[in-house]
Amino acid sequence: MCVNLELEVLISREEIEKRVKELAEEISRDFAGEDPLMLGILNGAFVFMADLIREMKVPVEVDFIRVRSYSGTDSTGKIDIIMDVSDNVSGKDVVIVEDIVDTGLTMDFLVRRVREKGARSVKVCALLDKPSRRVVDVKPDYVGFTIPDYFVVGYGLDYNGRYRELPAIYRVK
């Protein structure tokens, strides 16, 4: 059953494109001479990560992990690993690419997990940061946009699996 949500553009497609290029330049500068492993968090970050890596100026490796921590519009507070990292991260510089950092629980869990697997360094690149909802002290190293406490969809972000295909980021009214 498809729910028709009332949506309002929060961040336009053009703003996203500009900021993704800036983030790619910043990450490329920070990893000059390196081959970072870009670790995308499925399903939400796949659109952002695809655009981000196409703008990178350094060679990158790509892997994915899939976790679940939301039901509808609410964080469950519990992180379930649906699909784990397939590559060996030991000794690698890892950039975790996430759609949104909200409570910080998922990101805290993932950063610790990647470090435990032996990564040389771990950075976090989040398209969206919602610090007002933080329950653990997590600060992304690279942030596309800081947003207020809105539930958002589009550009890979979803509501129960829907609305990922929208080209901009929309606030659910």
C-alpha atoms as a PDB file:
ATOM      1  CA  MET A   1       0.000   0.000   0.000  1.00  0.00           C
ATOM      2  CA  CYS A   2       1.502   3.314  -1.077  1.00  0.00           C
ATOM      3  CA  VAL A   3       1.044   6.132   1.387  1.00  0.00           C
ATOM      4  CA  ASN A   4       0.705   9.586  -0.159  1.00  0.00           C
ATOM      5  CA  LEU A   5       2.651  11.934   2.057  1.00  0.00           C
ATOM      6  CA  GLU A   6       2.400  15.702   1.951  1.00  0.00           C
ATOM      7  CA  LEU A   7       5.901  16.836   0.943  1.00  0.00           C
ATOM      8  CA  GLU A   8       7.736  20.155   0.872  1.00  0.00           C
ATOM      9  CA  VAL A   9      11.138  20.647  -0.815  1.00  0.00           C
ATOM     10  CA  LEU A  10      13.789  21.106   1.854  1.00  0.00           C
ATOM     11  CA  ILE A  11      16.963  20.799  -0.274  1.00  0.00           C
ATOM     12  CA  SER A  12      16.816  21.124  -4.055  1.00  0.00           C
ATOM     13  CA  ARG A  13      18.473  18.827  -6.558  1.00  0.00           C
ATOM     14  CA  GLU A  14      20.837  21.666  -7.548  1.00  0.00           C
ATOM     15  CA  GLU A  15      21.891  22.295  -3.934  1.00  0.00           C
ATOM     16  CA  ILE A  16      22.557  18.573  -3.499  1.00  0.00           C
ATOM     17  CA  GLU A  17      24.654  18.359  -6.681  1.00  0.00           C
ATOM     18  CA  LYS A  18      26.768  21.347  -5.636  1.00  0.00           C
ATOM     19  CA  ARG A  19      27.354  20.054  -2.117  1.00  0.00           C
ATOM     20  CA  VAL A  20      28.174  16.505  -3.266  1.00  0.00           C
ATOM     21  CA  LYS A  21      30.915  17.918  -5.520  1.00  0.00           C
ATOM     22  CA  GLU A  22      32.305  19.953  -2.605  1.00  0.00           C
ATOM     23  CA  LEU A  23      32.301  16.901  -0.320  1.00  0.00           C
ATOM     24  CA  ALA A  24      34.077  14.798  -2.961  1.00  0.00           C
ATOM     25  CA  GLU A  25      36.741  17.477  -3.352  1.00  0.00           C
ATOM     26  CA  GLU A  26      37.260  17.668   0.418  1.00  0.00           C
ATOM     27  CA  ILE A  27      37.495  13.890   0.843  1.00  0.00           C
ATOM     28  CA  SER A  28      39.805  13.630  -2.190  1.00  0.00           C
ATOM     29  CA  ARG A  29      42.137  16.248  -0.673  1.00  0.00           C
ATOM     30  CA  ASP A  30      42.158  14.467   2.676  1.00  0.00           C
ATOM     31  CA  PHE A  31      42.945  11.117   1.035  1.00  0.00           C
ATOM     32  CA  ALA A  32      45.391  12.307  -1.643  1.00  0.00           C
ATOM     33  CA  GLY A  33      47.725   9.431  -2.467  1.00  0.00           C
ATOM     34  CA  GLU A  34      45.442   6.912  -0.749  1.00  0.00           C
ATOM     35  CA  ASP A  35      42.738   4.509  -1.936  1.00  0.00           C
ATOM     36  CA  PRO A  36      39.985   4.863   0.665  1.00  0.00           C
ATOM     37  CA  LEU A  37      37.294   2.244   1.043  1.00  0.00           C
ATOM     38  CA  MET A  38      33.934   3.948   0.679  1.00  0.00           C
ATOM     39  CA  LEU A  39      31.537   1.909   2.825  1.00  0.00           C
ATOM     40  CA  GLY A  40      27.946   2.701   1.895  1.00  0.00           C
ATOM     41  CA  ILE A  41      25.081   2.078   4.282  1.00  0.00           C
ATOM     42  CA  LEU A  42      22.234   0.416   2.427  1.00  0.00           C
ATOM     43  CA  ASN A  43      19.638   1.202   1.426  1.00  0.00           C
ATOM     44  CA  GLY A  44      19.503   4.933   2.129  1.00  0.00           C
ATOM     45  CA  ALA A  45      23.007   6.000   1.089  1.00  0.00           C
ATOM     46  CA  PHE A  46      23.231   4.295  -2.313  1.00  0.00           C
ATOM     47  CA  VAL A  47      22.127   7.323  -4.375  1.00  0.00           C
ATOM     48  CA  PHE A  48      24.355   9.732  -2.447  1.00  0.00           C
ATOM     49  CA  MET A  49      27.342   7.377  -2.568  1.00  0.00           C
ATOM     50  CA  ALA A  50      27.009   6.769  -6.319  1.00  0.00           C
ATOM     51  CA  ASP A  51      27.069  10.514  -6.983  1.00  0.00           C
ATOM     52  CA  LEU A  52      29.864  11.073  -4.445  1.00  0.00           C
ATOM     53  CA  ILE A  53      32.285   8.480  -5.827  1.00  0.00           C
ATOM     54  CA  ARG A  54      31.765   9.711  -9.403  1.00  0.00           C
ATOM     55  CA  GLU A  55      33.089  13.101  -8.245  1.00  0.00           C
ATOM     56  CA  MET A  56      36.103  11.702  -6.351  1.00  0.00           C
ATOM     57  CA  LYS A  57      39.589  12.634  -7.579  1.00  0.00           C
ATOM     58  CA  VAL A  58      41.328   9.650  -5.926  1.00  0.00           C
ATOM     59  CA  PRO A  59      40.828   5.950  -6.636  1.00  0.00           C
ATOM     60  CA  VAL A  60      38.361   4.336  -4.255  1.00  0.00           C
ATOM     61  CA  GLU A  61      37.229   0.882  -3.269  1.00  0.00           C
ATOM     62  CA  VAL A  62      33.514   0.364  -2.679  1.00  0.00           C
ATOM     63  CA  ASP A  63      31.680  -1.910  -0.288  1.00  0.00           C
ATOM     64  CA  PHE A  64      28.316  -1.904   1.443  1.00  0.00           C
ATOM     65  CA  ILE A  65      26.778  -2.851   4.748  1.00  0.00           C
ATOM     66  CA  ARG A  66      23.071  -3.036   5.406  1.00  0.00           C
ATOM     67  CA  VAL A  67      21.582  -2.326   8.786  1.00  0.00           C
ATOM     68  CA  ARG A  68      18.112  -1.623  10.068  1.00  0.00           C
ATOM     69  CA  SER A  69      17.252   0.738  12.902  1.00  0.00           C
ATOM     70  CA  TYR A  70      13.998   2.382  11.780  1.00  0.00           C
ATOM     71  CA  SER A  71      10.367   1.394  11.572  1.00  0.00           C
ATOM     72  CA  GLY A  72       8.301   3.986   9.706  1.00  0.00           C
ATOM     73  CA  THR A  73       9.385   7.374  11.055  1.00  0.00           C
ATOM     74  CA  ASP A  74      10.765   6.111  14.376  1.00  0.00           C
ATOM     75  CA  SER A  75      14.209   4.887  15.400  1.00  0.00           C
ATOM     76  CA  THR A  76      13.887   1.536  17.137  1.00  0.00           C
ATOM     77  CA  GLY A  77      17.123   2.073  19.092  1.00  0.00           C
ATOM     78  CA  LYS A  78      18.213  -1.427  18.037  1.00  0.00           C
ATOM     79  CA  ILE A  79      20.682  -2.028  15.193  1.00  0.00           C
ATOM     80  CA  ASP A  80      20.250  -5.203  13.142  1.00  0.00           C
ATOM     81  CA  ILE A  81      22.942  -6.185  10.611  1.00  0.00           C
ATOM     82  CA  ILE A  82      21.153  -7.426   7.510  1.00  0.00           C
ATOM     83  CA  MET A  83      24.290  -7.641   5.313  1.00  0.00           C
ATOM     84  CA  ASP A  84      27.814  -7.276   6.655  1.00  0.00           C
ATOM     85  CA  VAL A  85      30.890  -5.798   4.985  1.00  0.00           C
ATOM     86  CA  SER A  86      32.158  -8.223   2.344  1.00  0.00           C
ATOM     87  CA  ASP A  87      35.730  -6.885   2.015  1.00  0.00           C
ATOM     88  CA  ASN A  88      38.490  -7.140   4.577  1.00  0.00           C
ATOM     89  CA  VAL A  89      38.821  -3.641   6.081  1.00  0.00           C
ATOM     90  CA  SER A  90      41.972  -4.433   8.061  1.00  0.00           C
ATOM     91  CA  GLY A  91      44.630  -1.749   7.492  1.00  0.00           C
ATOM     92  CA  LYS A  92      42.373   0.315   5.242  1.00  0.00           C
ATOM     93  CA  ASP A  93      41.215   3.912   5.449  1.00  0.00           C
ATOM     94  CA  VAL A  94      37.426   3.637   5.567  1.00  0.00           C
ATOM     95  CA  VAL A  95      34.900   6.370   4.851  1.00  0.00           C
ATOM     96  CA  ILE A  96      31.453   5.325   6.036  1.00  0.00           C
ATOM     97  CA  VAL A  97      28.897   6.950   3.738  1.00  0.00           C
ATOM     98  CA  GLU A  98      25.484   7.471   5.335  1.00  0.00           C
ATOM     99  CA  ASP A  99      22.312   9.216   4.231  1.00  0.00           C
ATOM    100  CA  ILE A 100      21.485  10.726   7.624  1.00  0.00           C
ATOM    101  CA  VAL A 101      22.950  10.743  11.113  1.00  0.00           C
ATOM    102  CA  ASP A 102      20.079  11.146  13.531  1.00  0.00           C
ATOM    103  CA  THR A 103      20.277   9.629  17.025  1.00  0.00           C
ATOM    104  CA  GLY A 104      23.850   8.539  16.294  1.00  0.00           C
ATOM    105  CA  LEU A 105      23.208   4.997  17.541  1.00  0.00           C
ATOM    106  CA  THR A 106      23.709   3.355  14.142  1.00  0.00           C
ATOM    107  CA  MET A 107      26.800   5.386  13.312  1.00  0.00           C
ATOM    108  CA  ASP A 108      28.373   4.780  16.727  1.00  0.00           C
ATOM    109  CA  PHE A 109      27.764   1.045  16.255  1.00  0.00           C
ATOM    110  CA  LEU A 110      29.230   1.031  12.732  1.00  0.00           C
ATOM    111  CA  VAL A 111      32.323   3.095  13.563  1.00  0.00           C
ATOM    112  CA  ARG A 112      33.117   0.770  16.469  1.00  0.00           C
ATOM    113  CA  ARG A 113      32.487  -2.308  14.299  1.00  0.00           C
ATOM    114  CA  VAL A 114      34.775  -1.119  11.482  1.00  0.00           C
ATOM    115  CA  ARG A 115      37.518  -0.199  13.970  1.00  0.00           C
ATOM    116  CA  GLU A 116      37.208  -3.638  15.607  1.00  0.00           C
ATOM    117  CA  LYS A 117      37.706  -5.189  12.160  1.00  0.00           C
ATOM    118  CA  GLY A 118      41.103  -3.462  12.017  1.00  0.00           C
ATOM    119  CA  ALA A 119      40.583  -0.402   9.830  1.00  0.00           C
ATOM    120  CA  ARG A 120      43.569   1.970   9.861  1.00  0.00           C
ATOM    121  CA  SER A 121      41.242   4.970  10.032  1.00  0.00           C
ATOM    122  CA  VAL A 122      37.484   5.540  10.023  1.00  0.00           C
ATOM    123  CA  LYS A 123      35.763   8.732   8.864  1.00  0.00           C
ATOM    124  CA  VAL A 124      32.051   9.404   8.478  1.00  0.00           C
ATOM    125  CA  CYS A 125      30.479  11.223   5.538  1.00  0.00           C
ATOM    126  CA  ALA A 126      26.792  11.997   6.032  1.00  0.00           C
ATOM    127  CA  LEU A 127      24.560  13.656   3.482  1.00  0.00           C
ATOM    128  CA  LEU A 128      22.370  14.929   6.323  1.00  0.00           C
ATOM    129  CA  ASP A 129      23.103  15.575   9.962  1.00  0.00           C
ATOM    130  CA  LYS A 130      20.341  16.012  12.525  1.00  0.00           C
ATOM    131  CA  PRO A 131      22.235  16.836  15.743  1.00  0.00           C
ATOM    132  CA  SER A 132      19.111  17.841  17.675  1.00  0.00           C
ATOM    133  CA  ARG A 133      18.156  14.136  17.880  1.00  0.00           C
ATOM    134  CA  ARG A 134      21.556  12.846  19.058  1.00  0.00           C
ATOM    135  CA  VAL A 135      21.571  10.403  21.963  1.00  0.00           C
ATOM    136  CA  VAL A 136      25.245   9.403  21.592  1.00  0.00           C
ATOM    137  CA  ASP A 137      28.195  11.691  20.872  1.00  0.00           C
ATOM    138  CA  VAL A 138      28.804  11.146  17.168  1.00  0.00           C
ATOM    139  CA  LYS A 139      30.086  13.891  14.876  1.00  0.00           C
ATOM    140  CA  PRO A 140      30.387  13.140  11.155  1.00  0.00           C
ATOM    141  CA  ASP A 141      33.702  14.227   9.611  1.00  0.00           C
ATOM    142  CA  TYR A 142      32.012  15.360   6.405  1.00  0.00           C
ATOM    143  CA  VAL A 143      28.458  16.745   6.367  1.00  0.00           C
ATOM    144  CA  GLY A 144      26.367  17.691   3.376  1.00  0.00           C
ATOM    145  CA  PHE A 145      23.629  19.560   5.216  1.00  0.00           C
ATOM    146  CA  THR A 146      22.610  20.045   8.837  1.00  0.00           C
ATOM    147  CA  ILE A 147      18.844  19.932   9.177  1.00  0.00           C
ATOM    148  CA  PRO A 148      16.275  20.509  11.926  1.00  0.00           C
ATOM    149  CA  ASP A 149      14.249  17.666  13.407  1.00  0.00           C
ATOM    150  CA  TYR A 150      12.214  16.899  10.282  1.00  0.00           C
ATOM    151  CA  PHE A 151      11.406  13.523   8.823  1.00  0.00           C
ATOM    152  CA  VAL A 152      12.742  13.632   5.262  1.00  0.00           C
ATOM    153  CA  VAL A 153      12.507  11.536   2.109  1.00  0.00           C
ATOM    154  CA  GLY A 154      13.985  11.573  -1.382  1.00  0.00           C
ATOM    155  CA  TYR A 155      17.463  11.192  -2.870  1.00  0.00           C
ATOM    156  CA  GLY A 156      17.690   7.709  -1.378  1.00  0.00           C
ATOM    157  CA  LEU A 157      15.909   8.439   1.903  1.00  0.00           C
ATOM    158  CA  ASP A 158      12.632   6.624   2.369  1.00  0.00           C
ATOM    159  CA  TYR A 159       9.424   6.167   4.259  1.00  0.00           C
ATOM    160  CA  ASN A 160       8.876   2.401   4.593  1.00  0.00           C
ATOM    161  CA  GLY A 161      10.768   1.790   1.340  1.00  0.00           C
ATOM    162  CA  ARG A 162       9.008   4.487  -0.684  1.00  0.00           C
ATOM    163  CA  TYR A 163      10.073   7.903  -2.084  1.00  0.00           C
ATOM    164  CA  ARG A 164      13.797   7.036  -2.582  1.00  0.00           C
ATOM    165  CA  GLU A 165      13.568   7.964  -6.269  1.00  0.00           C
ATOM    166  CA  LEU A 166      12.739  11.629  -5.686  1.00  0.00           C
ATOM    167  CA  PRO A 167      15.544  13.898  -6.992  1.00  0.00           C
ATOM    168  CA  ALA A 168      15.539  16.359  -4.066  1.00  0.00           C
ATOM    169  CA  ILE A 169      15.163  16.049  -0.296  1.00  0.00           C
ATOM    170  CA  TYR A 170      11.653  16.681   0.956  1.00  0.00           C
ATOM    171  CA  ARG A 171      10.320  17.375   4.396  1.00  0.00           C
ATOM    172  CA  VAL A 172       7.314  15.251   5.306  1.00  0.00           C
ATOM    173  CA  LYS A 173       4.663  17.675   6.567  1.00  0.00           C
END
